[in-house]
């Protein structure tokens, strides 16, 4: 099996500038799996949905190369539901409603899956207890493990998050999440924070800094590299940006036999390209519409950007 992902899958409702998306396919697993599928890679997913998860949503996943063999349905409960409203300047987001529904007390059935040999395991943003459950049940360690999390889990289950990180090869964190994990007044820059975090276990750490780009820390050479992003004039909705970023990274690394720092640096271009496409539409809409050819064109545009290395400010339009 090439790629296996776990995360939330359900229904999102997003309000941007007084316009609502209505109920649409959402959750970290939707963005990750469809993003990977855009590169013609079959992505097996682990998750659960409820009785309100439409057949149309199932078809969308299938049409985007998502394998639903390990997706469970609880006919007695509703799907995970999340509703949020963005400020007009897109700088802040207010979560209005989160109903975990089928995700409450969910434990994946791992009887068949535990025997699989997996190349890349993606631990999407979800309860770290679920991430740990999956890691412990797999009899054969995946070749490469990519982990994501969010501030909520760091605040509520920090010790569990750190345990997951310990078992990961690559972790993706925002600048704020790194600060939450490494609370030390003597550590005041990205590299120092990553060096400290790498002592827990991960070989590679990606630090996302939104429109300012991202950084890759490698414990192999104790070095940090900056990766540019694209300047967009029309950001509609940033929901799922981090998830599609991971999808792009996963898609590139899937074709690499022995993963090195340089491979991850190139993979970050794939992740950035896919994430910038995602935020040009509301929810998952632009991700569904984009073609593989358009994604590769965006990657080429990204490679052609000029950058002020001193200020790390992207100058590409």
Protein backbone atom coordinates (compact mmCIF):
# COMPACT_ATOMS: atom_id res chain seq x y z
CA UNK A 1 0.00 0.00 0.00
CA UNK A 2 1.45 3.36 -1.03
CA UNK A 3 -0.43 5.89 1.12
CA UNK A 4 -2.65 5.46 4.17
CA UNK A 5 -4.21 8.49 5.92
CA UNK A 6 -6.25 9.04 9.06
CA UNK A 7 -8.15 12.18 10.06
CA UNK A 8 -11.62 13.67 10.39
CA UNK A 9 -14.14 13.26 7.59
CA UNK A 10 -17.53 14.88 7.65
CA UNK A 11 -19.44 18.04 6.86
CA UNK A 12 -18.19 21.63 6.92
CA UNK A 13 -20.10 24.88 6.76
CA UNK A 14 -17.98 27.96 6.16
CA UNK A 15 -19.02 31.61 6.30
CA UNK A 16 -16.83 34.10 4.43
CA UNK A 17 -17.80 37.76 4.03
CA UNK A 18 -21.41 36.95 4.92
CA UNK A 19 -21.58 34.24 2.26
CA UNK A 20 -22.04 30.63 3.35
CA UNK A 21 -20.77 27.50 1.67
CA UNK A 22 -23.75 25.47 2.81
CA UNK A 23 -23.07 21.94 4.01
CA UNK A 24 -20.15 20.50 2.05
CA UNK A 25 -17.63 17.69 2.22
CA UNK A 26 -14.94 18.56 4.77
CA UNK A 27 -12.57 17.44 7.48
CA UNK A 28 -8.79 17.01 7.39
CA UNK A 29 -9.10 13.61 5.74
CA UNK A 30 -11.12 15.00 2.83
CA UNK A 31 -8.46 17.58 1.97
CA UNK A 32 -5.55 15.17 2.41
CA UNK A 33 -7.01 12.26 0.47
CA UNK A 34 -8.40 14.29 -2.43
CA UNK A 35 -5.16 16.29 -2.61
CA UNK A 36 -3.12 13.08 -2.91
CA UNK A 37 -5.63 11.71 -5.40
CA UNK A 38 -5.08 14.71 -7.68
CA UNK A 39 -1.64 13.25 -8.44
CA UNK A 40 -3.25 9.96 -9.57
CA UNK A 41 -2.18 8.17 -6.41
CA UNK A 42 -4.57 5.79 -4.70
CA UNK A 43 -4.97 6.86 -1.09
CA UNK A 44 -6.48 4.50 1.48
CA UNK A 45 -8.22 6.28 4.33
CA UNK A 46 -9.20 5.38 7.88
CA UNK A 47 -12.21 7.20 9.24
CA UNK A 48 -15.90 7.13 10.06
CA UNK A 49 -18.96 8.97 8.79
CA UNK A 50 -22.60 9.06 9.85
CA UNK A 51 -26.03 8.58 8.35
CA UNK A 52 -26.06 12.10 6.88
CA UNK A 53 -22.93 11.58 4.78
CA UNK A 54 -24.33 11.61 1.25
CA UNK A 55 -23.72 9.17 -1.56
CA UNK A 56 -22.56 12.18 -3.57
CA UNK A 57 -19.73 12.74 -1.08
CA UNK A 58 -18.77 9.08 -1.39
CA UNK A 59 -18.65 9.44 -5.15
CA UNK A 60 -16.50 12.58 -4.92
CA UNK A 61 -13.94 10.64 -2.89
CA UNK A 62 -13.97 7.67 -5.26
CA UNK A 63 -13.66 9.93 -8.30
CA UNK A 64 -10.48 11.38 -6.77
CA UNK A 65 -8.68 8.05 -6.31
CA UNK A 66 -9.66 7.64 -2.63
CA UNK A 67 -9.97 4.01 -1.54
CA UNK A 68 -12.89 3.61 0.89
CA UNK A 69 -12.19 0.03 1.98
CA UNK A 70 -11.44 1.07 5.57
CA UNK A 71 -14.01 3.87 5.86
CA UNK A 72 -16.73 2.98 8.36
CA UNK A 73 -20.33 4.23 8.48
CA UNK A 74 -22.41 4.51 11.66
CA UNK A 75 -26.06 4.56 10.59
CA UNK A 76 -27.20 5.58 14.07
CA UNK A 77 -25.22 8.83 14.35
CA UNK A 78 -24.48 11.93 12.34
CA UNK A 79 -21.14 12.80 10.76
CA UNK A 80 -18.52 15.07 12.25
CA UNK A 81 -19.72 18.67 11.70
CA UNK A 82 -17.76 21.91 11.83
CA UNK A 83 -18.99 25.45 11.19
CA UNK A 84 -16.78 28.54 11.20
CA UNK A 85 -16.86 32.21 10.25
CA UNK A 86 -13.91 34.19 8.92
CA UNK A 87 -13.28 37.89 9.50
CA UNK A 88 -13.52 40.10 6.42
CA UNK A 89 -9.73 40.46 6.25
CA UNK A 90 -9.28 36.65 6.60
CA UNK A 91 -6.86 37.14 9.50
CA UNK A 92 -9.06 35.51 12.14
CA UNK A 93 -11.53 32.64 12.24
CA UNK A 94 -14.24 31.93 14.77
CA UNK A 95 -15.45 28.38 15.20
CA UNK A 96 -19.22 28.58 15.68
CA UNK A 97 -20.03 24.90 16.08
CA UNK A 98 -18.13 21.63 16.41
CA UNK A 99 -20.17 18.45 16.74
CA UNK A 100 -17.93 15.39 16.97
CA UNK A 101 -20.90 13.01 16.58
CA UNK A 102 -19.55 9.70 15.15
CA UNK A 103 -15.99 10.62 16.15
CA UNK A 104 -16.85 10.38 19.84
CA UNK A 105 -15.33 7.15 21.20
CA UNK A 106 -14.42 6.05 17.67
CA UNK A 107 -11.86 3.25 17.54
CA UNK A 108 -10.89 2.06 14.03
CA UNK A 109 -11.24 -1.59 13.13
CA UNK A 110 -7.66 -2.62 12.43
CA UNK A 111 -8.02 -6.40 12.01
CA UNK A 112 -7.15 -6.51 8.31
CA UNK A 113 -5.22 -3.28 8.05
CA UNK A 114 -2.72 -4.21 10.75
CA UNK A 115 -1.03 -6.68 8.39
CA UNK A 116 -0.46 -4.18 5.57
CA UNK A 117 2.94 -2.90 4.51
CA UNK A 118 2.57 0.86 4.09
CA UNK A 119 4.99 3.19 2.36
CA UNK A 120 3.71 6.54 3.67
CA UNK A 121 1.45 6.89 6.68
CA UNK A 122 -0.20 10.29 7.07
CA UNK A 123 -1.45 11.05 10.57
CA UNK A 124 -3.76 13.94 9.76
CA UNK A 125 -5.12 16.41 12.28
CA UNK A 126 -7.19 14.27 14.65
CA UNK A 127 -7.24 13.16 18.29
CA UNK A 128 -3.67 11.96 19.13
CA UNK A 129 -5.19 8.95 20.87
CA UNK A 130 -6.42 7.79 17.46
CA UNK A 131 -3.02 8.46 15.92
CA UNK A 132 -1.34 6.40 18.64
CA UNK A 133 -3.91 3.61 18.31
CA UNK A 134 -3.09 3.29 14.63
CA UNK A 135 0.67 3.30 15.23
CA UNK A 136 0.42 0.60 17.87
CA UNK A 137 -1.85 -1.66 15.82
CA UNK A 138 0.28 -1.72 12.69
CA UNK A 139 2.50 -4.80 12.82
CA UNK A 140 4.88 -3.51 10.15
CA UNK A 141 6.24 0.00 10.67
CA UNK A 142 5.50 2.25 7.68
CA UNK A 143 8.49 3.37 5.65
CA UNK A 144 7.80 7.04 6.36
CA UNK A 145 5.40 8.68 8.83
CA UNK A 146 4.11 12.23 8.39
CA UNK A 147 2.25 13.85 11.30
CA UNK A 148 0.04 16.90 11.61
CA UNK A 149 -1.78 18.35 14.61
CA UNK A 150 -3.54 21.55 15.72
CA UNK A 151 -3.38 23.88 18.71
CA UNK A 152 -6.47 22.31 20.28
CA UNK A 153 -4.77 18.93 20.69
CA UNK A 154 -1.52 20.49 21.91
CA UNK A 155 -3.44 22.36 24.61
CA UNK A 156 -5.64 19.46 25.66
CA UNK A 157 -3.39 16.40 25.11
CA UNK A 158 0.16 17.68 24.86
CA UNK A 159 1.80 14.53 26.26
CA UNK A 160 -0.03 12.37 23.70
CA UNK A 161 0.93 14.74 20.88
CA UNK A 162 4.58 14.48 21.92
CA UNK A 163 4.32 10.69 21.95
CA UNK A 164 3.04 10.74 18.37
CA UNK A 165 5.82 13.13 17.37
CA UNK A 166 8.36 10.74 18.90
CA UNK A 167 7.24 8.06 16.44
CA UNK A 168 7.20 10.32 13.37
CA UNK A 169 9.74 10.93 10.61
CA UNK A 170 8.33 14.30 9.54
CA UNK A 171 6.06 16.64 11.47
CA UNK A 172 4.27 19.71 10.10
CA UNK A 173 3.56 22.51 12.56
CA UNK A 174 2.62 26.15 12.41
CA UNK A 175 4.89 28.70 14.04
CA UNK A 176 2.36 29.08 16.86
CA UNK A 177 2.22 25.33 17.44
CA UNK A 178 6.00 25.11 17.74
CA UNK A 179 5.88 27.84 20.37
CA UNK A 180 3.21 25.90 22.27
CA UNK A 181 5.22 22.70 22.25
CA UNK A 182 8.54 24.30 23.22
CA UNK A 183 7.82 26.73 26.05
CA UNK A 184 11.24 27.94 27.06
CA UNK A 185 12.23 31.60 27.51
CA UNK A 186 15.79 30.75 26.51
CA UNK A 187 14.65 29.44 23.11
CA UNK A 188 13.68 32.39 20.94
CA UNK A 189 14.08 31.43 17.29
CA UNK A 190 12.81 28.76 14.88
CA UNK A 191 16.03 26.79 14.59
CA UNK A 192 16.57 26.56 18.34
CA UNK A 193 12.97 25.41 18.80
CA UNK A 194 13.32 22.77 16.09
CA UNK A 195 16.62 21.54 17.49
CA UNK A 196 14.96 21.06 20.86
CA UNK A 197 11.91 19.38 19.34
CA UNK A 198 14.06 17.01 17.27
CA UNK A 199 15.46 15.55 20.50
CA UNK A 200 12.07 13.90 20.96
CA UNK A 201 12.49 11.88 17.79
CA UNK A 202 11.52 13.35 14.39
CA UNK A 203 14.23 13.62 11.77
CA UNK A 204 12.50 16.43 9.87
CA UNK A 205 10.35 19.34 11.05
CA UNK A 206 8.39 21.68 8.79
CA UNK A 207 7.38 25.00 10.31
CA UNK A 208 4.61 26.81 8.42
CA UNK A 209 4.50 30.59 8.60
CA UNK A 210 1.44 31.28 6.45
CA UNK A 211 1.94 33.83 3.68
CA UNK A 212 5.59 34.21 4.73
CA UNK A 213 6.49 30.73 3.51
CA UNK A 214 7.80 27.74 5.46
CA UNK A 215 10.96 26.25 6.93
CA UNK A 216 12.46 22.77 6.94
CA UNK A 217 14.66 21.68 9.82
CA UNK A 218 16.78 18.57 9.42
CA UNK A 219 18.29 16.91 12.47
CA UNK A 220 20.70 15.07 10.16
CA UNK A 221 22.79 18.21 9.68
CA UNK A 222 21.16 20.49 12.29
CA UNK A 223 20.29 22.94 9.54
CA UNK A 224 17.22 24.91 8.53
CA UNK A 225 16.10 25.91 5.02
CA UNK A 226 13.54 28.46 3.91
CA UNK A 227 10.96 27.63 1.22
CA UNK A 228 9.09 30.44 -0.49
CA UNK A 229 5.38 30.69 -1.21
CA UNK A 230 3.26 32.43 -3.82
CA UNK A 231 1.73 35.85 -3.32
CA UNK A 232 -2.01 35.58 -3.97
CA UNK A 233 -4.27 38.52 -4.62
CA UNK A 234 -7.53 36.67 -4.10
CA UNK A 235 -7.56 34.49 -0.97
CA UNK A 236 -11.12 33.25 -0.46
CA UNK A 237 -10.90 30.72 2.37
CA UNK A 238 -7.88 29.25 4.18
CA UNK A 239 -9.74 26.16 5.45
CA UNK A 240 -7.81 22.99 4.59
CA UNK A 241 -4.62 24.82 3.55
CA UNK A 242 -2.46 22.84 6.00
CA UNK A 243 -4.08 19.55 5.02
CA UNK A 244 -3.58 20.10 1.29
CA UNK A 245 -0.01 21.21 2.01
CA UNK A 246 0.62 17.78 3.54
CA UNK A 247 -1.14 16.13 0.59
CA UNK A 248 1.26 17.74 -1.85
CA UNK A 249 4.27 16.71 0.23
CA UNK A 250 2.98 13.14 0.48
CA UNK A 251 2.35 12.93 -3.26
CA UNK A 252 5.91 13.86 -4.15
CA UNK A 253 7.54 11.64 -1.52
CA UNK A 254 5.46 8.65 -2.63
CA UNK A 255 7.69 8.36 -5.72
CA UNK A 256 10.96 8.62 -3.76
CA UNK A 257 12.68 5.41 -2.73
CA UNK A 258 15.02 6.79 -0.06
CA UNK A 259 13.79 10.13 1.32
CA UNK A 260 16.39 12.84 1.96
CA UNK A 261 16.27 16.50 3.00
CA UNK A 262 16.46 17.63 -0.63
CA UNK A 263 13.48 15.45 -1.47
CA UNK A 264 11.42 17.06 1.27
CA UNK A 265 12.46 20.55 0.14
CA UNK A 266 11.13 19.76 -3.33
CA UNK A 267 8.04 18.14 -1.84
CA UNK A 268 7.34 21.40 -0.01
CA UNK A 269 6.96 23.10 -3.40
CA UNK A 270 4.26 20.56 -4.22
CA UNK A 271 2.58 21.20 -0.89
CA UNK A 272 2.74 24.98 -1.30
CA UNK A 273 1.33 24.81 -4.82
CA UNK A 274 -1.61 22.65 -3.75
CA UNK A 275 -2.34 24.75 -0.66
CA UNK A 276 -2.38 28.01 -2.63
CA UNK A 277 -4.87 26.45 -5.05
CA UNK A 278 -7.05 25.31 -2.16
CA UNK A 279 -7.41 28.79 -0.64
CA UNK A 280 -8.59 30.31 -3.91
CA UNK A 281 -12.06 28.84 -3.38
CA UNK A 282 -14.41 28.23 -0.49
CA UNK A 283 -13.92 24.94 1.31
CA UNK A 284 -12.88 22.10 -0.92
CA UNK A 285 -14.37 23.59 -4.09
CA UNK A 286 -11.19 24.71 -5.89
CA UNK A 287 -9.42 21.47 -5.03
CA UNK A 288 -12.21 19.52 -6.74
CA UNK A 289 -12.06 21.67 -9.87
CA UNK A 290 -8.30 21.84 -10.40
CA UNK A 291 -6.62 19.46 -12.85
CA UNK A 292 -3.30 17.70 -12.34
CA UNK A 293 -1.84 19.73 -15.21
CA UNK A 294 -2.85 22.99 -13.51
CA UNK A 295 -1.19 21.86 -10.29
CA UNK A 296 2.08 21.17 -12.11
CA UNK A 297 1.86 24.59 -13.75
CA UNK A 298 1.48 26.16 -10.29
CA UNK A 299 4.55 24.23 -9.11
CA UNK A 300 6.56 25.62 -12.03
CA UNK A 301 5.33 29.14 -11.23
CA UNK A 302 6.47 28.65 -7.66
CA UNK A 303 9.94 27.56 -8.73
CA UNK A 304 10.24 30.71 -10.83
CA UNK A 305 9.53 33.13 -7.98
CA UNK A 306 12.15 35.68 -7.01
CA UNK A 307 12.80 35.99 -3.32
CA UNK A 308 14.52 38.39 -0.99
CA UNK A 309 16.56 35.90 1.05
CA UNK A 310 17.48 38.50 3.67
CA UNK A 311 13.89 39.36 4.53
CA UNK A 312 12.31 36.08 3.39
CA UNK A 313 9.65 38.08 1.56
CA UNK A 314 8.18 36.51 -1.55
CA UNK A 315 8.09 38.75 -4.61
CA UNK A 316 6.21 36.45 -6.98
CA UNK A 317 2.76 37.52 -8.16
